[in-house]
N, C-alpha and C. Protein backbone atom coordinates (compact mmCIF):
# COMPACT_ATOMS: atom_id res chain seq x y z
N MET A 1 19.46 4.80 8.94
CA MET A 1 18.52 5.28 8.78
C MET A 1 17.48 4.43 9.71
N THR A 2 16.27 4.98 10.62
CA THR A 2 15.67 4.53 11.47
C THR A 2 14.32 4.91 10.77
N PHE A 3 13.41 3.76 10.55
CA PHE A 3 11.82 3.85 9.60
C PHE A 3 11.32 3.58 11.19
N GLU A 4 10.07 4.81 10.83
CA GLU A 4 8.82 4.27 11.89
C GLU A 4 8.23 3.04 11.40
N ALA A 5 7.75 2.59 12.13
CA ALA A 5 6.77 1.17 12.04
C ALA A 5 5.51 1.60 12.77
N PRO A 6 4.14 1.38 11.72
CA PRO A 6 4.46 1.34 10.59
C PRO A 6 4.97 2.56 9.84
N ILE A 7 4.98 2.72 8.72
CA ILE A 7 5.18 4.17 8.12
C ILE A 7 3.98 4.81 7.68
N SER A 8 4.02 6.31 8.04
CA SER A 8 2.87 7.04 8.00
C SER A 8 3.71 8.49 7.14
N ARG A 9 3.00 8.38 5.83
CA ARG A 9 3.71 10.08 5.44
C ARG A 9 2.66 10.07 4.38
N TRP A 10 1.30 9.60 4.25
CA TRP A 10 0.52 10.18 3.13
C TRP A 10 -0.99 10.25 3.98
N GLN A 11 -2.01 11.83 3.54
CA GLN A 11 -2.93 11.78 3.90
C GLN A 11 -3.37 13.00 3.13
N GLU A 12 -4.83 12.65 3.19
CA GLU A 12 -5.97 13.33 2.03
C GLU A 12 -7.14 13.33 2.46
N ARG A 13 -7.99 14.27 1.90
CA ARG A 13 -9.56 14.39 1.97
C ARG A 13 -9.99 14.10 0.93
N ILE A 14 -11.13 13.26 1.26
CA ILE A 14 -12.31 12.59 0.22
C ILE A 14 -12.79 13.85 -0.67
N LEU A 15 -12.42 13.64 -2.39
CA LEU A 15 -13.15 15.00 -2.81
C LEU A 15 -14.66 14.60 -3.56
N PRO A 16 -15.04 15.58 -3.75
CA PRO A 16 -17.24 15.46 -3.92
C PRO A 16 -16.87 14.08 -5.34
N GLU A 17 -16.24 14.47 -6.28
CA GLU A 17 -16.37 14.05 -7.79
C GLU A 17 -15.97 12.58 -7.48
N TRP A 18 -15.51 12.00 -5.73
CA TRP A 18 -15.22 10.81 -5.75
C TRP A 18 -16.14 9.86 -5.03
N LEU A 19 -17.15 10.64 -4.88
CA LEU A 19 -18.97 9.55 -4.44
C LEU A 19 -19.27 8.71 -5.52
N ASP A 20 -19.76 7.85 -5.21
CA ASP A 20 -21.00 6.90 -5.95
C ASP A 20 -22.36 7.38 -5.78
N TYR A 21 -23.03 6.70 -6.60
CA TYR A 21 -24.40 6.74 -6.92
C TYR A 21 -25.21 6.27 -5.26
N ASN A 22 -24.47 5.66 -4.49
CA ASN A 22 -24.58 5.33 -3.22
C ASN A 22 -24.59 7.05 -2.24
N GLY A 23 -23.80 7.50 -2.82
CA GLY A 23 -23.58 8.28 -1.45
C GLY A 23 -22.17 8.72 -0.83
N HIS A 24 -21.38 7.60 -1.15
CA HIS A 24 -19.91 7.55 -0.14
C HIS A 24 -18.70 7.15 -1.33
N MET A 25 -17.57 6.83 -1.11
CA MET A 25 -16.92 6.98 -1.84
C MET A 25 -16.92 5.65 -2.81
N ASN A 26 -16.10 5.94 -3.80
CA ASN A 26 -16.41 4.58 -5.13
C ASN A 26 -15.09 3.82 -4.52
N VAL A 27 -15.38 2.63 -4.99
CA VAL A 27 -14.44 1.63 -4.72
C VAL A 27 -12.89 2.11 -5.10
N ALA A 28 -13.22 2.68 -6.49
CA ALA A 28 -12.31 2.44 -7.07
C ALA A 28 -11.16 4.24 -6.72
N TYR A 29 -11.79 4.62 -6.31
CA TYR A 29 -11.55 6.00 -5.38
C TYR A 29 -10.20 5.34 -4.00
N PHE A 30 -10.66 4.37 -3.48
CA PHE A 30 -10.11 3.77 -2.42
C PHE A 30 -8.76 3.57 -3.21
N VAL A 31 -8.97 2.59 -3.90
CA VAL A 31 -7.50 2.36 -4.46
C VAL A 31 -6.47 3.63 -4.80
N LEU A 32 -7.28 4.49 -5.26
CA LEU A 32 -6.37 6.05 -5.71
C LEU A 32 -5.79 6.07 -4.48
N VAL A 33 -6.17 6.18 -3.34
CA VAL A 33 -5.95 6.80 -1.87
C VAL A 33 -4.76 5.72 -1.49
N PHE A 34 -5.20 4.61 -2.03
CA PHE A 34 -3.72 3.59 -1.78
C PHE A 34 -2.71 4.15 -2.77
N ASP A 35 -2.97 4.08 -3.59
CA ASP A 35 -1.72 4.45 -4.66
C ASP A 35 -1.00 5.65 -4.04
N HIS A 36 -1.83 6.40 -3.94
CA HIS A 36 -0.88 7.58 -3.24
C HIS A 36 0.06 7.50 -2.26
N GLY A 37 -0.63 6.42 -1.40
CA GLY A 37 0.17 6.11 -0.23
C GLY A 37 1.42 5.26 -0.82
N THR A 38 1.27 4.57 -1.67
CA THR A 38 2.48 3.73 -2.26
C THR A 38 3.69 4.67 -2.97
N ASP A 39 3.14 6.32 -3.74
CA ASP A 39 3.66 6.69 -4.11
C ASP A 39 4.46 7.74 -2.81
N ALA A 40 4.08 7.43 -1.70
CA ALA A 40 4.98 8.12 -0.60
C ALA A 40 5.73 7.38 0.18
N PHE A 41 5.43 5.82 0.04
CA PHE A 41 6.28 4.68 0.25
C PHE A 41 7.64 4.50 -0.53
N TYR A 42 7.52 4.43 -1.72
CA TYR A 42 8.50 4.46 -2.54
C TYR A 42 9.83 4.86 -2.20
N PRO A 43 9.66 6.36 -2.54
CA PRO A 43 10.87 6.91 -2.36
C PRO A 43 11.43 6.97 -1.43
N LEU A 44 11.55 6.10 -0.12
CA LEU A 44 11.55 5.89 0.77
C LEU A 44 12.53 4.48 0.78
N ILE A 45 12.32 3.82 -0.03
CA ILE A 45 12.91 2.74 -0.70
C ILE A 45 14.27 2.88 -1.81
N GLY A 46 14.41 4.03 -2.35
CA GLY A 46 15.18 4.16 -3.56
C GLY A 46 14.00 3.75 -4.50
N LEU A 47 12.68 3.66 -4.96
CA LEU A 47 12.24 3.53 -6.08
C LEU A 47 11.05 4.62 -6.16
N GLY A 48 10.02 4.63 -6.97
CA GLY A 48 9.13 5.82 -7.40
C GLY A 48 9.40 6.35 -8.50
N LYS A 49 8.87 7.29 -9.10
CA LYS A 49 8.54 8.11 -10.14
C LYS A 49 10.05 8.64 -10.47
N PRO A 50 10.72 9.55 -9.18
CA PRO A 50 12.40 10.35 -9.92
C PRO A 50 13.11 8.82 -10.60
N TYR A 51 12.95 7.60 -9.61
CA TYR A 51 13.64 6.56 -9.98
C TYR A 51 13.72 5.86 -11.26
N ARG A 52 12.09 5.97 -11.35
CA ARG A 52 11.76 5.74 -13.07
C ARG A 52 12.67 6.17 -14.12
N GLN A 53 12.55 7.40 -13.73
CA GLN A 53 12.77 8.60 -14.70
C GLN A 53 14.09 8.91 -14.94
N ARG A 54 14.96 8.16 -13.45
CA ARG A 54 16.24 8.27 -13.87
C ARG A 54 17.05 7.04 -14.46
N THR A 55 16.04 5.68 -14.21
CA THR A 55 16.77 4.29 -14.52
C THR A 55 15.92 3.78 -15.56
N GLY A 56 14.79 4.01 -15.91
CA GLY A 56 13.98 3.29 -16.63
C GLY A 56 13.34 2.10 -16.30
N LYS A 57 13.56 1.91 -14.78
CA LYS A 57 12.85 1.01 -14.06
C LYS A 57 11.87 1.15 -13.25
N SER A 58 11.08 0.23 -12.72
CA SER A 58 10.30 0.64 -11.82
C SER A 58 9.29 -0.63 -11.14
N THR A 59 8.01 -0.57 -10.71
CA THR A 59 7.40 -1.99 -10.26
C THR A 59 6.40 -1.91 -10.66
N PHE A 60 5.76 -3.16 -10.86
CA PHE A 60 4.68 -3.49 -11.48
C PHE A 60 3.69 -3.87 -10.13
N ALA A 61 2.44 -3.54 -9.70
CA ALA A 61 1.89 -4.12 -8.77
C ALA A 61 1.34 -5.77 -9.46
N VAL A 62 1.58 -6.79 -9.21
CA VAL A 62 1.01 -8.17 -9.94
C VAL A 62 0.01 -8.83 -8.59
N GLU A 63 -0.41 -8.57 -7.47
CA GLU A 63 -1.72 -9.13 -7.09
C GLU A 63 -1.97 -8.07 -5.58
N SER A 64 -2.97 -7.83 -5.34
CA SER A 64 -3.58 -6.94 -4.61
C SER A 64 -4.83 -7.44 -4.13
N HIS A 65 -5.29 -7.39 -2.72
CA HIS A 65 -6.36 -7.71 -2.06
C HIS A 65 -6.73 -6.37 -1.05
N ILE A 66 -8.32 -6.00 -1.21
CA ILE A 66 -8.63 -5.20 -0.58
C ILE A 66 -9.81 -5.22 0.14
N THR A 67 -10.22 -4.73 1.31
CA THR A 67 -11.20 -4.76 2.10
C THR A 67 -11.38 -3.60 2.55
N TYR A 68 -12.77 -3.12 2.78
CA TYR A 68 -13.59 -2.36 3.16
C TYR A 68 -14.42 -2.20 4.25
N GLN A 69 -13.67 -1.47 5.20
CA GLN A 69 -14.63 -1.86 6.58
C GLN A 69 -15.55 -0.79 6.90
N ARG A 70 -15.37 0.40 6.30
CA ARG A 70 -16.56 1.62 6.88
C ARG A 70 -16.28 2.52 5.55
N GLU A 71 -17.43 2.99 5.53
CA GLU A 71 -17.84 4.41 4.07
C GLU A 71 -17.11 5.40 4.75
N LEU A 72 -17.00 6.03 3.89
CA LEU A 72 -16.45 7.64 3.38
C LEU A 72 -16.90 8.47 2.88
N SER A 73 -17.19 10.06 3.29
CA SER A 73 -17.62 10.92 2.48
C SER A 73 -17.03 11.99 2.15
N VAL A 74 -17.54 12.54 1.74
CA VAL A 74 -16.77 14.26 1.22
C VAL A 74 -16.38 14.99 2.14
N ASN A 75 -14.93 15.62 2.28
CA ASN A 75 -14.15 16.15 3.16
C ASN A 75 -13.49 15.37 4.53
N GLU A 76 -14.28 14.13 4.93
CA GLU A 76 -13.51 13.18 5.54
C GLU A 76 -11.94 13.33 5.33
N GLU A 77 -10.85 13.14 5.61
CA GLU A 77 -9.52 13.37 6.22
C GLU A 77 -9.34 11.62 6.69
N VAL A 78 -8.41 11.30 5.33
CA VAL A 78 -8.21 10.23 5.87
C VAL A 78 -6.07 10.20 5.61
N LYS A 79 -5.84 8.87 6.54
CA LYS A 79 -4.48 8.66 6.69
C LYS A 79 -4.09 7.03 5.82
N VAL A 80 -2.69 7.27 5.63
CA VAL A 80 -2.36 5.56 4.86
C VAL A 80 -1.08 5.05 5.34
N THR A 81 -1.43 4.09 6.26
CA THR A 81 0.03 3.60 6.96
C THR A 81 0.51 2.16 6.22
N THR A 82 1.95 1.92 6.15
CA THR A 82 2.41 1.12 5.22
C THR A 82 3.45 0.13 6.17
N GLN A 83 3.12 -1.30 6.02
CA GLN A 83 3.72 -2.20 6.62
C GLN A 83 4.52 -2.91 5.71
N LEU A 84 5.82 -3.40 6.03
CA LEU A 84 6.33 -3.90 4.96
C LEU A 84 6.20 -5.27 5.64
N LEU A 85 6.01 -6.43 4.92
CA LEU A 85 5.77 -7.36 4.86
C LEU A 85 6.62 -8.50 4.90
N GLY A 86 7.00 -8.22 4.00
CA GLY A 86 8.58 -9.15 3.44
C GLY A 86 9.00 -8.64 1.93
N PHE A 87 10.21 -9.37 1.49
CA PHE A 87 10.85 -8.58 0.17
C PHE A 87 11.92 -9.61 -0.29
N ASP A 88 12.27 -9.75 -1.45
CA ASP A 88 13.57 -10.24 -1.73
C ASP A 88 14.09 -9.61 -3.15
N ALA A 89 14.82 -9.69 -3.90
CA ALA A 89 15.29 -9.29 -4.58
C ALA A 89 14.74 -8.45 -5.56
N LYS A 90 13.58 -8.93 -6.06
CA LYS A 90 12.72 -8.93 -7.20
C LYS A 90 11.56 -8.27 -6.63
N ARG A 91 10.93 -8.56 -5.70
CA ARG A 91 9.62 -8.73 -4.71
C ARG A 91 9.58 -7.87 -3.60
N ILE A 92 8.78 -7.03 -4.01
CA ILE A 92 8.16 -6.26 -2.23
C ILE A 92 6.78 -6.64 -1.77
N HIS A 93 6.68 -7.20 -0.81
CA HIS A 93 5.23 -7.39 -0.13
C HIS A 93 4.80 -6.17 0.91
N TYR A 94 3.72 -5.71 0.50
CA TYR A 94 3.32 -4.84 1.71
C TYR A 94 2.09 -4.70 2.03
N PHE A 95 1.53 -3.88 3.08
CA PHE A 95 0.53 -3.65 3.34
C PHE A 95 -0.10 -2.52 3.97
N HIS A 96 -0.99 -1.67 3.22
CA HIS A 96 -1.59 -0.39 3.59
C HIS A 96 -2.80 -0.68 4.40
N THR A 97 -2.85 0.48 5.04
CA THR A 97 -4.19 0.60 5.92
C THR A 97 -4.57 1.82 5.91
N MET A 98 -5.93 2.31 5.58
CA MET A 98 -6.51 3.50 5.56
C MET A 98 -7.09 3.90 7.09
N TRP A 99 -7.05 4.91 7.54
CA TRP A 99 -7.25 5.35 8.78
C TRP A 99 -8.23 6.71 8.49
N HIS A 100 -9.38 6.98 9.54
CA HIS A 100 -10.16 8.20 9.66
C HIS A 100 -9.30 9.00 10.11
N VAL A 101 -8.43 9.88 10.01
CA VAL A 101 -8.08 10.99 10.87
C VAL A 101 -8.32 11.27 12.32
N GLU A 102 -9.80 11.67 11.62
CA GLU A 102 -10.72 12.04 13.25
C GLU A 102 -10.91 11.21 13.89
N LYS A 103 -11.70 10.18 13.27
CA LYS A 103 -12.46 9.40 14.24
C LYS A 103 -11.14 7.89 14.68
N LYS A 104 -9.93 8.03 14.06
CA LYS A 104 -9.08 6.94 14.60
C LYS A 104 -9.72 6.00 14.44
N VAL A 105 -10.37 5.41 13.24
CA VAL A 105 -10.88 3.84 13.28
C VAL A 105 -10.20 4.00 11.57
N GLN A 106 -10.21 2.14 11.25
CA GLN A 106 -9.46 1.97 10.30
C GLN A 106 -10.72 1.89 9.09
N MET A 107 -10.58 2.09 8.11
CA MET A 107 -11.79 2.53 6.91
C MET A 107 -11.06 1.25 6.14
N ALA A 108 -10.10 1.10 5.42
CA ALA A 108 -9.88 -0.28 4.64
C ALA A 108 -8.33 -0.59 4.85
N THR A 109 -8.44 -1.77 3.74
CA THR A 109 -6.78 -2.56 3.85
C THR A 109 -6.57 -2.35 2.39
N LEU A 110 -5.56 -2.72 2.32
CA LEU A 110 -4.78 -3.23 1.07
C LEU A 110 -3.54 -3.64 1.08
N GLU A 111 -3.53 -5.25 0.55
CA GLU A 111 -2.25 -6.01 0.44
C GLU A 111 -1.77 -6.15 -0.92
N GLN A 112 -0.57 -6.26 -1.14
CA GLN A 112 0.34 -5.83 -2.55
C GLN A 112 1.16 -6.50 -2.27
N LEU A 113 1.60 -7.05 -3.85
CA LEU A 113 2.91 -7.71 -4.53
C LEU A 113 3.14 -7.28 -5.45
N ALA A 114 4.65 -6.71 -5.45
CA ALA A 114 4.89 -5.48 -6.49
C ALA A 114 6.38 -6.19 -7.06
N LEU A 115 6.70 -6.05 -8.43
CA LEU A 115 7.68 -6.98 -8.61
C LEU A 115 8.80 -5.62 -9.89
N HIS A 116 9.87 -5.72 -9.61
CA HIS A 116 10.60 -4.49 -9.49
C HIS A 116 11.23 -5.15 -11.28
N VAL A 117 10.56 -3.98 -12.63
CA VAL A 117 10.61 -4.21 -13.67
C VAL A 117 11.82 -3.07 -14.36
N ASP A 118 12.20 -4.07 -15.72
CA ASP A 118 12.81 -3.25 -16.43
C ASP A 118 11.94 -2.70 -17.47
N LEU A 119 11.46 -1.54 -17.35
CA LEU A 119 10.65 -0.91 -18.47
C LEU A 119 10.97 -1.03 -20.15
N THR A 120 12.45 -1.11 -20.05
CA THR A 120 12.72 -1.09 -21.48
C THR A 120 12.45 -3.06 -22.23
N THR A 121 13.08 -3.82 -21.53
CA THR A 121 13.00 -5.23 -21.61
C THR A 121 11.32 -5.64 -21.21
N ARG A 122 10.68 -5.01 -20.11
CA ARG A 122 9.47 -5.63 -19.52
C ARG A 122 9.51 -6.88 -18.89
N LYS A 123 10.63 -7.19 -18.49
CA LYS A 123 11.11 -8.59 -17.77
C LYS A 123 11.91 -7.95 -16.13
N VAL A 124 11.50 -8.95 -15.13
CA VAL A 124 11.53 -8.56 -14.12
C VAL A 124 13.08 -9.28 -13.75
N GLU A 125 13.49 -7.75 -12.90
CA GLU A 125 15.05 -8.15 -12.61
C GLU A 125 14.94 -7.36 -11.12
N PRO A 126 16.57 -7.60 -10.48
CA PRO A 126 16.62 -7.43 -8.93
C PRO A 126 16.52 -5.89 -8.98
N MET A 127 16.33 -5.35 -7.41
CA MET A 127 16.29 -4.06 -7.21
C MET A 127 17.66 -3.57 -7.41
N PRO A 128 18.04 -2.35 -7.20
CA PRO A 128 19.64 -2.05 -7.20
C PRO A 128 20.08 -2.36 -5.61
N GLU A 129 21.13 -2.47 -5.69
CA GLU A 129 21.18 -2.81 -4.12
C GLU A 129 21.05 -1.79 -3.21
N GLU A 130 20.99 -0.60 -3.41
CA GLU A 130 20.64 0.73 -2.08
C GLU A 130 19.35 0.15 -1.61
N SER A 131 17.79 -0.37 -2.87
CA SER A 131 16.44 -0.32 -2.15
C SER A 131 16.95 -1.56 -1.60
N GLN A 132 17.16 -2.60 -2.06
CA GLN A 132 17.43 -3.72 -0.94
C GLN A 132 18.14 -3.29 0.26
N ARG A 133 18.71 -2.69 0.32
CA ARG A 133 19.74 -2.32 1.73
C ARG A 133 18.32 -1.25 2.95
N LEU A 134 17.84 -0.43 1.87
CA LEU A 134 17.18 0.39 2.21
C LEU A 134 15.76 -0.57 2.68
N LEU A 135 15.39 -1.97 2.16
CA LEU A 135 14.10 -2.71 2.49
C LEU A 135 14.62 -3.33 3.93
N ARG A 136 15.94 -3.80 3.78
CA ARG A 136 16.19 -4.39 5.02
C ARG A 136 16.36 -4.02 6.16
N GLU A 137 16.96 -2.64 6.07
CA GLU A 137 16.79 -1.48 7.43
C GLU A 137 15.16 -1.25 7.63
N MET A 138 14.33 -1.37 7.11
CA MET A 138 12.89 -1.29 7.11
C MET A 138 12.44 -2.59 7.90
N TRP A 139 12.76 -3.57 7.18
CA TRP A 139 12.69 -5.08 7.84
C TRP A 139 13.04 -4.87 9.41
N GLU A 140 13.71 -4.27 9.34
CA GLU A 140 14.18 -4.43 10.92
C GLU A 140 13.31 -4.08 11.73
N THR A 141 12.88 -2.72 11.57
CA THR A 141 11.29 -1.91 12.72
C THR A 141 10.55 -2.65 12.18
N HIS A 142 10.03 -3.36 10.75
CA HIS A 142 8.72 -3.95 10.61
C HIS A 142 8.68 -5.23 11.19
N GLN A 143 9.27 -6.11 11.32
CA GLN A 143 9.39 -7.63 11.14
C GLN A 143 8.64 -7.76 12.51
N HIS A 144 8.85 -7.00 13.50
CA HIS A 144 8.17 -7.19 14.99
C HIS A 144 6.59 -6.64 14.70
N LEU A 145 6.17 -6.05 13.75
CA LEU A 145 4.94 -5.67 13.94
C LEU A 145 3.91 -6.76 13.97
N PRO A 146 3.10 -6.96 14.51
CA PRO A 146 1.73 -7.98 14.51
C PRO A 146 1.10 -7.70 12.92
N LYS A 147 1.00 -9.54 12.30
CA LYS A 147 0.63 -9.29 11.19
C LYS A 147 -0.77 -9.21 11.18
N PRO A 148 -1.13 -8.24 10.03
CA PRO A 148 -3.10 -7.39 10.06
C PRO A 148 -3.40 -8.95 9.46
N LYS A 149 -4.60 -9.00 10.56
CA LYS A 149 -5.46 -10.05 10.37
C LYS A 149 -6.34 -10.28 9.00
N GLU A 150 -6.28 -9.15 8.50
CA GLU A 150 -6.66 -9.33 6.74
C GLU A 150 -5.64 -9.68 5.72
N VAL A 151 -4.47 -9.91 6.41
CA VAL A 151 -3.29 -10.41 5.62
C VAL A 151 -3.59 -12.27 4.86
N GLY A 152 -3.35 -12.01 3.85
CA GLY A 152 -4.04 -13.37 3.23
C GLY A 152 -5.48 -13.72 2.98
N SER A 153 -6.04 -13.17 3.48
CA SER A 153 -7.46 -13.36 3.40
C SER A 153 -8.13 -14.01 2.43
N VAL A 154 -8.95 -15.26 2.17
CA VAL A 154 -9.48 -15.38 0.86
C VAL A 154 -11.19 -15.40 0.95
N MET A 155 -11.67 -15.16 -0.09
CA MET A 155 -13.05 -14.75 -0.28
C MET A 155 -14.03 -16.55 -0.47
N SER A 156 -14.94 -15.76 0.22
CA SER A 156 -15.56 -17.50 0.11
C SER A 156 -16.96 -17.13 0.84
N LEU A 157 -18.24 -18.29 1.10
CA LEU A 157 -19.32 -18.33 1.13
C LEU A 157 -19.56 -19.60 1.82
N GLN A 158 -19.15 -19.04 3.19
CA GLN A 158 -19.39 -20.40 4.47
C GLN A 158 -20.56 -20.44 4.90
N PRO A 159 -21.03 -21.78 5.06
CA PRO A 159 -22.30 -21.68 5.45
C PRO A 159 -22.23 -20.96 6.78
N LYS A 160 -23.63 -20.35 7.17
CA LYS A 160 -23.30 -20.12 8.76
C LYS A 160 -23.86 -20.78 9.73
N LYS A 161 -22.59 -20.53 10.88
CA LYS A 161 -22.39 -21.69 11.99
C LYS A 161 -24.21 -21.15 12.81
N LYS A 162 -24.49 -22.68 13.31
CA LYS A 162 -25.98 -22.47 14.12
C LYS A 162 -25.71 -22.80 15.67
């Protein structure tokens, strides 16, 4: 299987109930849209809800970092692209970018690390070989993508340069 680089499988419109008292999309709904992007990404690597229902195994997000570049309002349409940053037998490191469909500008990003977990024991364990194979195939096309500037970013208050 050949994967596009980056993956682009999720698109949706901003709903009125997602706005906060500042009149723009609340931060929690950025996370929701990114989660929908994850739900579209995981089946490509043999994971996701049908996998959980069939096996009793899933993934847990263990670390995330979100950046917000622009505001969103009602009925604006966004798409989420996904770049595989790395993986091993038990972990998946990926990066979502949210794009404004009409304006074609970056709106926000989410970097995430997920662990493969047996839901019965609640312990981390290796992914099935099929998922590891699919991740290797995806890596073949994603390893050459430029690393997004937001990857590994750290928040801090740096003194202003004069």
